[in-house]
Amino acid sequence: MSDKPAILGGKPRFDHKINIVRPILPDYSEVQNEIQSILCSGMVTKGRYLNEFEEAIQDHLKVKHAVAVSSCTSGLMLIHKGLGLTGDVVVPSFTFMATVSSLVWNGLNPIFADVDIQTTNLSPEAAEAAITPHTSAILGVHNFGNPAEIDALQAIADRHGIQLIFDAAHGFGALYNGQPLGPQGEANIFSLSPTKLLITGEGGIVATNNSELAARIRLGREYGNNGNYDSLIAGLNARMPEFNAILGLRSLERLEAGAQTRNETAAFFQEMLGCLPGIDFQKVRPEDRSSYKDFSITIEPTKFGLSRDELAMAFAEENIDTRKYYDPPAHRQMAYQSYDDQRPLPNTNWLAANSLSIPIWSNMEYGTMSGICDAMERIFNHREAVSAQLRVLAR
């Protein structure tokens, strides 16, 4: 293969698109009996497989309650409602939009706080500085599957008498102090969409040891109706169908293997790409394990010789898919700009401009891993010519 990158006329490193994710799904033969049973029984929701899935997740996460819902977002909305949150909630801006939308849907006021530039998670110091007399909770995020600084955030929440919740959308497969995420804080809400390690198609899991909260979420996912059509709370239709629960049960069997493979892939990327100047990686505490739902690198343009956006464009010519999480960050998104109190968020803004997620899967082959690294090395080796070519294309 020519040493010249594709953007300069060389042959693309891959002859087909390498997607940012590739979900691991069961073969039809693995689920056909269960699917046949729900079709024959007519119980396509609120049946045995939902109960089995919730019980299996409770055992896996070591929590008293695992409540399956239609999405991570609906779960977040029901948690805030179930806890009776009011006023302000401290939240990172370097997160997916749904973290913040769940607050706004509940009439809450997001107070944006900065993240740690190395972990990309909510900074405990910044979170405490953002607390106001009207703050009722801190909403942390296990970003890209990297566990947040849970103990430090819990100490702050206890000191101020407020609630601590975690958006654990990326959390299945992650470990905090060697244990699964789930029991920490008042609740963790996980996503089960196709970009995650544990997949139900669409869906979420609320994990909590708070029995009262779990009961309110179970009620809330049924419109707030306890069976007599007299709503006790303003709820949603947030039920998980039986088919999704069946997928979840099969996916749970593959979860640990997928998490281990992703960590091995991440270690390979760090070894191969870490020798390039200006490239850095998310810091994971040695006692923790990231799920690596995403593998994110940061690019320091003055050292690497190309900006994040230039590298992404060069990768695209190599048929390598990438994502710019999270650009723009939540405080600069049109829907949430009015909540921005102009608090300095330097780390958030830097990461939004310089962070790039590259493909990672739960069964990525060696050839794909090495091909991504080869592509990046040859782009770097021709960085001046690549930058000049992109300036020409931009005219």
Protein backbone atom coordinates (compact mmCIF):
# COMPACT_ATOMS: atom_id res chain seq x y z
CA MET A 1 0.00 0.00 0.00
CA SER A 2 1.17 3.50 -0.83
CA ASP A 3 2.42 5.52 2.13
CA LYS A 4 0.36 8.44 0.82
CA PRO A 5 -2.95 8.98 2.69
CA ALA A 6 -6.19 8.78 0.72
CA ILE A 7 -6.86 12.49 0.99
CA LEU A 8 -3.64 13.03 -1.00
CA GLY A 9 -4.60 10.47 -3.65
CA GLY A 10 -3.43 7.27 -2.02
CA LYS A 11 -5.58 4.17 -1.77
CA PRO A 12 -7.99 4.28 1.20
CA ARG A 13 -6.83 2.10 4.07
CA PHE A 14 -10.20 0.32 3.99
CA ASP A 15 -12.27 -0.53 0.93
CA HIS A 16 -15.52 -0.29 2.95
CA LYS A 17 -16.69 2.00 5.70
CA ILE A 18 -15.49 1.16 9.20
CA ASN A 19 -18.46 2.25 11.30
CA ILE A 20 -18.03 3.91 14.66
CA VAL A 21 -20.00 1.02 16.23
CA ARG A 22 -21.00 -2.51 15.28
CA PRO A 23 -23.58 -3.97 17.67
CA ILE A 24 -23.31 -7.61 18.72
CA LEU A 25 -26.71 -9.25 18.26
CA PRO A 26 -27.82 -12.87 18.80
CA ASP A 27 -28.46 -15.23 15.93
CA TYR A 28 -32.15 -15.75 15.29
CA SER A 29 -31.84 -19.39 16.35
CA GLU A 30 -30.90 -18.20 19.85
CA VAL A 31 -34.14 -16.27 20.35
CA GLN A 32 -36.69 -17.96 18.08
CA ASN A 33 -38.28 -20.04 20.83
CA GLU A 34 -38.79 -17.03 23.10
CA ILE A 35 -40.13 -14.92 20.24
CA GLN A 36 -42.48 -17.72 19.23
CA SER A 37 -43.75 -17.95 22.81
CA ILE A 38 -44.66 -14.25 23.02
CA LEU A 39 -46.36 -14.39 19.63
CA CYS A 40 -48.40 -17.42 20.69
CA SER A 41 -49.29 -16.04 24.11
CA GLY A 42 -50.07 -12.54 22.91
CA MET A 43 -48.04 -11.15 25.82
CA VAL A 44 -45.83 -8.76 23.90
CA THR A 45 -45.34 -6.45 26.90
CA LYS A 46 -45.38 -6.74 30.71
CA GLY A 47 -44.67 -10.48 30.60
CA ARG A 48 -42.27 -13.12 31.90
CA TYR A 49 -39.21 -12.03 29.93
CA LEU A 50 -39.33 -8.50 31.32
CA ASN A 51 -39.40 -9.94 34.83
CA GLU A 52 -36.54 -12.34 34.04
CA PHE A 53 -34.48 -9.52 32.54
CA GLU A 54 -34.98 -7.20 35.51
CA GLU A 55 -34.06 -9.98 37.95
CA ALA A 56 -30.94 -10.86 35.95
CA ILE A 57 -29.84 -7.21 35.92
CA GLN A 58 -30.46 -6.90 39.68
CA ASP A 59 -28.13 -9.85 40.24
CA HIS A 60 -25.51 -8.54 37.84
CA LEU A 61 -25.44 -4.99 39.26
CA LYS A 62 -25.94 -6.12 42.88
CA VAL A 63 -28.85 -3.74 43.48
CA LYS A 64 -32.24 -4.18 45.12
CA HIS A 65 -34.16 -2.87 42.12
CA ALA A 66 -33.62 -2.83 38.34
CA VAL A 67 -36.56 -1.21 36.55
CA ALA A 68 -36.65 -1.59 32.78
CA VAL A 69 -37.92 1.41 30.82
CA SER A 70 -38.33 2.40 27.20
CA SER A 71 -35.16 4.51 27.05
CA CYS A 72 -32.41 5.99 29.17
CA THR A 73 -34.01 9.40 28.65
CA SER A 74 -37.41 8.30 29.94
CA GLY A 75 -35.65 6.71 32.90
CA LEU A 76 -33.88 9.97 33.72
CA MET A 77 -37.16 11.86 33.47
CA LEU A 78 -38.85 9.41 35.85
CA ILE A 79 -35.97 9.51 38.34
CA HIS A 80 -36.19 13.30 38.62
CA LYS A 81 -39.96 13.07 38.99
CA GLY A 82 -39.74 10.20 41.47
CA LEU A 83 -37.24 12.03 43.68
CA GLY A 84 -39.32 15.19 43.62
CA LEU A 85 -36.41 17.35 42.49
CA THR A 86 -36.94 21.11 42.35
CA GLY A 87 -34.96 24.18 41.38
CA ASP A 88 -31.36 23.77 40.26
CA VAL A 89 -29.46 20.61 39.32
CA VAL A 90 -25.70 20.66 38.79
CA VAL A 91 -24.77 18.85 35.57
CA PRO A 92 -21.80 18.68 33.19
CA SER A 93 -22.16 20.34 29.81
CA PHE A 94 -19.76 17.84 28.21
CA THR A 95 -22.42 15.15 27.86
CA PHE A 96 -25.09 13.89 25.50
CA MET A 97 -28.06 16.22 25.12
CA ALA A 98 -30.51 13.84 26.81
CA THR A 99 -28.78 14.33 30.17
CA VAL A 100 -29.90 17.95 30.11
CA SER A 101 -33.22 17.51 28.31
CA SER A 102 -34.45 15.23 31.10
CA LEU A 103 -34.01 18.11 33.53
CA VAL A 104 -35.72 20.69 31.36
CA TRP A 105 -38.69 18.36 30.76
CA ASN A 106 -39.15 18.28 34.53
CA GLY A 107 -39.05 22.06 34.85
CA LEU A 108 -35.62 21.95 36.48
CA ASN A 109 -32.83 24.43 35.94
CA PRO A 110 -29.53 22.90 34.75
CA ILE A 111 -26.48 24.53 36.29
CA PHE A 112 -23.54 23.68 34.06
CA ALA A 113 -20.26 22.76 35.74
CA ASP A 114 -16.90 21.97 34.20
CA VAL A 115 -15.36 18.55 33.75
CA ASP A 116 -11.90 17.24 34.57
CA ILE A 117 -9.90 17.51 31.36
CA GLN A 118 -8.28 14.08 31.85
CA THR A 119 -11.24 11.94 32.93
CA THR A 120 -13.78 14.07 30.96
CA ASN A 121 -16.18 13.53 33.90
CA LEU A 122 -17.80 16.12 36.16
CA SER A 123 -15.15 17.78 38.32
CA PRO A 124 -16.08 17.48 42.02
CA GLU A 125 -14.55 20.88 42.71
CA ALA A 126 -16.49 22.49 39.88
CA ALA A 127 -19.69 20.72 40.95
CA GLU A 128 -19.45 22.03 44.50
CA ALA A 129 -18.70 25.55 43.28
CA ALA A 130 -21.87 25.42 41.14
CA ILE A 131 -24.22 24.58 44.04
CA THR A 132 -26.75 27.32 44.78
CA PRO A 133 -29.28 27.76 47.60
CA HIS A 134 -31.84 26.27 45.21
CA THR A 135 -29.84 23.13 44.24
CA SER A 136 -31.64 19.84 44.85
CA ALA A 137 -29.27 17.40 43.11
CA ILE A 138 -26.04 16.67 41.30
CA LEU A 139 -26.42 14.72 38.05
CA GLY A 140 -23.10 13.07 37.21
CA VAL A 141 -22.18 11.17 34.05
CA HIS A 142 -19.94 8.14 33.53
CA ASN A 143 -18.64 9.59 30.29
CA PHE A 144 -17.70 7.11 27.52
CA GLY A 145 -18.06 4.42 30.21
CA ASN A 146 -15.39 5.87 32.52
CA PRO A 147 -16.72 5.83 36.10
CA ALA A 148 -17.15 9.27 37.63
CA GLU A 149 -15.51 10.29 40.91
CA ILE A 150 -18.40 8.80 42.83
CA ASP A 151 -17.09 9.00 46.38
CA ALA A 152 -16.03 12.63 46.03
CA LEU A 153 -19.38 13.61 44.51
CA GLN A 154 -21.27 11.68 47.21
CA ALA A 155 -19.35 13.51 49.93
CA ILE A 156 -20.33 16.84 48.36
CA ALA A 157 -23.98 15.79 48.04
CA ASP A 158 -24.03 14.67 51.69
CA ARG A 159 -22.36 17.87 52.86
CA HIS A 160 -25.01 20.00 51.14
CA GLY A 161 -27.98 17.73 51.82
CA ILE A 162 -28.80 17.15 48.15
CA GLN A 163 -29.37 14.09 45.95
CA LEU A 164 -26.77 12.39 43.74
CA ILE A 165 -27.86 10.72 40.49
CA PHE A 166 -25.81 9.23 37.67
CA ASP A 167 -26.48 9.16 33.95
CA ALA A 168 -24.89 5.75 33.39
CA ALA A 169 -25.93 5.52 29.73
CA HIS A 170 -22.46 4.17 28.87
CA GLY A 171 -22.07 2.22 32.09
CA PHE A 172 -22.74 -1.46 31.41
CA GLY A 173 -19.36 -3.19 31.44
CA ALA A 174 -17.72 -0.52 33.63
CA LEU A 175 -16.41 -1.19 37.15
CA TYR A 176 -15.95 1.25 40.05
CA ASN A 177 -13.46 0.00 42.63
CA GLY A 178 -13.85 -3.41 41.01
CA GLN A 179 -17.66 -3.49 41.29
CA PRO A 180 -20.37 -2.78 38.68
CA LEU A 181 -21.95 0.64 38.52
CA GLY A 182 -25.50 0.67 39.86
CA PRO A 183 -25.73 0.83 43.66
CA GLN A 184 -24.03 4.24 43.92
CA GLY A 185 -25.98 7.44 44.59
CA GLU A 186 -29.77 7.42 44.60
CA ALA A 187 -29.93 5.85 41.13
CA ASN A 188 -27.99 5.01 37.98
CA ILE A 189 -29.82 4.97 34.65
CA PHE A 190 -28.33 2.85 31.85
CA SER A 191 -28.96 2.99 28.12
CA LEU A 192 -29.54 -0.22 26.13
CA SER A 193 -29.53 1.24 22.62
CA PRO A 194 -27.50 -0.35 19.77
CA THR A 195 -24.38 1.76 20.45
CA LYS A 196 -23.97 0.22 23.92
CA LEU A 197 -22.40 -3.02 25.19
CA LEU A 198 -25.71 -4.38 26.50
CA ILE A 199 -28.40 -4.05 23.83
CA THR A 200 -32.18 -4.42 23.86
CA GLY A 201 -32.75 -2.48 20.63
CA GLU A 202 -33.98 0.52 22.56
CA GLY A 203 -34.47 0.76 26.29
CA GLY A 204 -32.99 1.63 29.65
CA ILE A 205 -32.53 0.31 33.17
CA VAL A 206 -32.96 2.31 36.36
CA ALA A 207 -30.79 0.72 39.06
CA THR A 208 -31.39 1.76 42.68
CA ASN A 209 -31.43 0.58 46.26
CA ASN A 210 -34.18 3.10 47.07
CA SER A 211 -37.36 1.00 47.25
CA GLU A 212 -39.67 4.01 47.32
CA LEU A 213 -38.04 5.48 44.22
CA ALA A 214 -38.24 2.13 42.40
CA ALA A 215 -41.95 1.88 43.18
CA ARG A 216 -42.56 5.39 41.85
CA ILE A 217 -40.65 4.64 38.63
CA ARG A 218 -42.63 1.43 38.09
CA LEU A 219 -45.78 3.48 38.55
CA GLY A 220 -44.46 6.30 36.38
CA ARG A 221 -43.66 4.03 33.44
CA GLU A 222 -47.38 3.09 33.42
CA TYR A 223 -48.63 6.67 33.02
CA GLY A 224 -48.78 6.96 36.83
CA ASN A 225 -51.75 4.58 36.76
CA ASN A 226 -51.81 2.00 39.57
CA GLY A 227 -54.57 0.01 37.88
CA ASN A 228 -57.68 2.00 38.73
CA TYR A 229 -57.11 4.71 36.07
CA ASP A 230 -56.66 7.34 38.78
CA SER A 231 -53.13 8.61 38.13
CA LEU A 232 -51.11 9.05 41.29
CA ILE A 233 -48.34 10.91 39.47
CA ALA A 234 -47.97 12.41 36.01
CA GLY A 235 -46.26 9.48 34.32
CA LEU A 236 -45.27 8.30 30.86
CA ASN A 237 -45.68 5.30 28.63
CA ALA A 238 -42.16 4.06 29.32
CA ARG A 239 -42.64 0.30 29.20
CA MET A 240 -40.10 -2.08 27.70
CA PRO A 241 -41.59 -4.67 25.30
CA GLU A 242 -40.97 -8.39 25.75
CA PHE A 243 -38.95 -8.61 22.54
CA ASN A 244 -36.48 -6.03 23.87
CA ALA A 245 -36.17 -7.93 27.15
CA ILE A 246 -35.35 -11.13 25.23
CA LEU A 247 -32.55 -9.34 23.37
CA GLY A 248 -31.32 -7.99 26.70
CA LEU A 249 -31.13 -11.43 28.29
CA ARG A 250 -29.00 -12.74 25.41
CA SER A 251 -26.86 -9.60 25.37
CA LEU A 252 -26.17 -9.88 29.10
CA GLU A 253 -24.54 -13.25 28.44
CA ARG A 254 -21.98 -11.49 26.20
CA LEU A 255 -21.43 -8.40 28.32
CA GLU A 256 -18.30 -9.39 30.26
CA ALA A 257 -16.53 -10.77 27.18
CA GLY A 258 -17.37 -7.59 25.29
CA ALA A 259 -16.05 -5.36 28.07
CA GLN A 260 -12.79 -7.30 28.26
CA THR A 261 -12.32 -7.17 24.48
CA ARG A 262 -12.95 -3.43 24.39
CA ASN A 263 -10.37 -2.86 27.12
CA GLU A 264 -7.85 -4.92 25.16
CA THR A 265 -8.63 -2.89 22.04
CA ALA A 266 -8.28 0.36 23.98
CA ALA A 267 -4.90 -0.77 25.30
CA PHE A 268 -3.78 -1.55 21.74
CA PHE A 269 -4.86 1.90 20.52
CA GLN A 270 -3.09 3.60 23.43
CA GLU A 271 0.14 1.72 22.73
CA MET A 272 0.10 2.31 18.98
CA LEU A 273 -1.20 5.89 18.91
CA GLY A 274 0.40 7.11 22.13
CA CYS A 275 3.75 7.56 20.39
CA LEU A 276 2.29 10.27 18.14
CA PRO A 277 2.86 13.81 19.48
CA GLY A 278 -0.26 15.70 20.52
CA ILE A 279 -2.44 12.60 21.00
CA ASP A 280 -3.81 11.87 24.47
CA PHE A 281 -6.43 9.58 26.01
CA GLN A 282 -9.12 9.65 28.66
CA LYS A 283 -7.68 8.82 32.09
CA VAL A 284 -9.22 5.84 33.91
CA ARG A 285 -8.33 5.22 37.55
CA PRO A 286 -6.29 1.99 37.98
CA GLU A 287 -8.91 0.60 40.40
CA ASP A 288 -11.71 1.22 37.87
CA ARG A 289 -12.58 -0.21 34.46
CA SER A 290 -14.12 1.76 31.63
CA SER A 291 -16.68 0.07 29.42
CA TYR A 292 -15.13 1.96 26.50
CA LYS A 293 -18.53 2.43 25.00
CA ASP A 294 -16.54 4.98 22.98
CA PHE A 295 -12.81 5.32 22.51
CA SER A 296 -12.05 9.02 22.54
CA ILE A 297 -8.72 10.67 21.80
CA THR A 298 -7.76 14.31 22.11
CA ILE A 299 -5.69 16.14 19.53
CA GLU A 300 -3.44 19.07 20.45
CA PRO A 301 -3.16 20.77 17.04
CA THR A 302 0.11 22.61 17.70
CA LYS A 303 1.83 19.31 18.52
CA PHE A 304 0.05 16.94 16.13
CA GLY A 305 0.14 19.31 13.19
CA LEU A 306 -3.55 18.93 12.32
CA SER A 307 -6.72 19.97 14.07
CA ARG A 308 -9.36 17.53 15.26
CA ASP A 309 -11.59 18.49 12.33
CA GLU A 310 -8.78 18.06 9.82
CA LEU A 311 -7.97 14.62 11.20
CA ALA A 312 -11.65 13.63 11.02
CA MET A 313 -11.82 14.68 7.36
CA ALA A 314 -8.66 12.73 6.56
CA PHE A 315 -10.04 9.67 8.36
CA ALA A 316 -13.25 9.90 6.32
CA GLU A 317 -11.20 9.56 3.12
CA GLU A 318 -9.73 6.35 4.58
CA ASN A 319 -13.33 5.08 5.09
CA ILE A 320 -13.00 5.40 8.87
CA ASP A 321 -16.08 6.74 10.67
CA THR A 322 -15.57 9.12 13.62
CA ARG A 323 -17.67 11.23 16.01
CA LYS A 324 -17.06 14.62 17.59
CA TYR A 325 -18.48 14.07 21.07
CA TYR A 326 -19.72 16.52 22.33
CA ASP A 327 -19.53 19.42 19.93
CA PRO A 328 -21.32 21.65 20.62
CA PRO A 329 -21.49 21.00 24.36
CA ALA A 330 -24.90 21.31 25.98
CA HIS A 331 -24.49 24.87 27.23
CA ARG A 332 -23.95 26.08 23.65
CA GLN A 333 -26.83 24.10 22.09
CA MET A 334 -29.77 26.20 20.96
CA ALA A 335 -32.25 24.50 23.29
CA TYR A 336 -30.16 25.14 26.41
CA GLN A 337 -28.32 28.41 25.78
CA SER A 338 -30.80 30.28 27.95
CA TYR A 339 -29.67 28.20 30.95
CA ASP A 340 -26.00 29.12 30.52
CA ASP A 341 -25.05 31.36 33.43
CA GLN A 342 -21.70 32.19 31.77
CA ARG A 343 -19.78 30.15 34.33
CA PRO A 344 -16.31 29.48 32.88
CA LEU A 345 -16.12 25.99 31.36
CA PRO A 346 -12.61 25.93 29.85
CA ASN A 347 -12.11 22.16 29.95
CA THR A 348 -15.55 21.52 28.46
CA ASN A 349 -14.92 23.93 25.61
CA TRP A 350 -11.43 22.56 24.92
CA LEU A 351 -12.62 18.97 24.85
CA ALA A 352 -15.56 19.83 22.59
CA ALA A 353 -13.11 21.32 20.08
CA ASN A 354 -10.39 18.69 20.32
CA SER A 355 -11.98 15.34 21.19
CA LEU A 356 -12.54 12.67 18.54
CA SER A 357 -14.06 9.21 18.98
CA ILE A 358 -12.75 6.49 16.69
CA PRO A 359 -14.36 3.09 16.01
CA ILE A 360 -14.39 0.49 18.76
CA TRP A 361 -16.49 -2.69 18.90
CA SER A 362 -16.92 -5.57 21.27
CA ASN A 363 -15.37 -7.94 18.70
CA MET A 364 -13.04 -5.73 16.66
CA GLU A 365 -10.57 -7.75 14.62
CA TYR A 366 -6.82 -7.16 14.77
CA GLY A 367 -6.74 -6.11 11.11
CA THR A 368 -9.28 -3.37 11.75
CA MET A 369 -7.46 -2.11 14.85
CA SER A 370 -4.08 -2.04 13.14
CA GLY A 371 -5.58 -0.50 9.99
CA ILE A 372 -6.99 2.43 11.96
CA CYS A 373 -3.60 3.00 13.58
CA ASP A 374 -1.79 2.70 10.23
CA ALA A 375 -4.14 5.25 8.68
CA MET A 376 -3.55 7.72 11.48
CA GLU A 377 0.22 7.31 11.30
CA ARG A 378 0.38 7.97 7.59
CA ILE A 379 -1.92 10.98 7.95
CA PHE A 380 0.46 12.30 10.62
CA ASN A 381 3.52 11.60 8.45
CA HIS A 382 2.00 13.78 5.70
CA ARG A 383 0.36 16.31 8.01
CA GLU A 384 1.69 19.42 6.26
CA ALA A 385 0.51 18.24 2.85
CA VAL A 386 -2.82 17.09 4.32
CA SER A 387 -3.39 20.49 5.91
CA ALA A 388 -2.52 22.27 2.65
CA GLN A 389 -4.89 19.99 0.68
CA LEU A 390 -7.74 20.64 3.09
CA ARG A 391 -7.24 24.38 2.76
CA VAL A 392 -7.50 24.00 -1.02
CA LEU A 393 -10.69 21.93 -0.70
CA ALA A 394 -12.20 24.52 1.65
CA ARG A 395 -11.92 27.34 -0.89
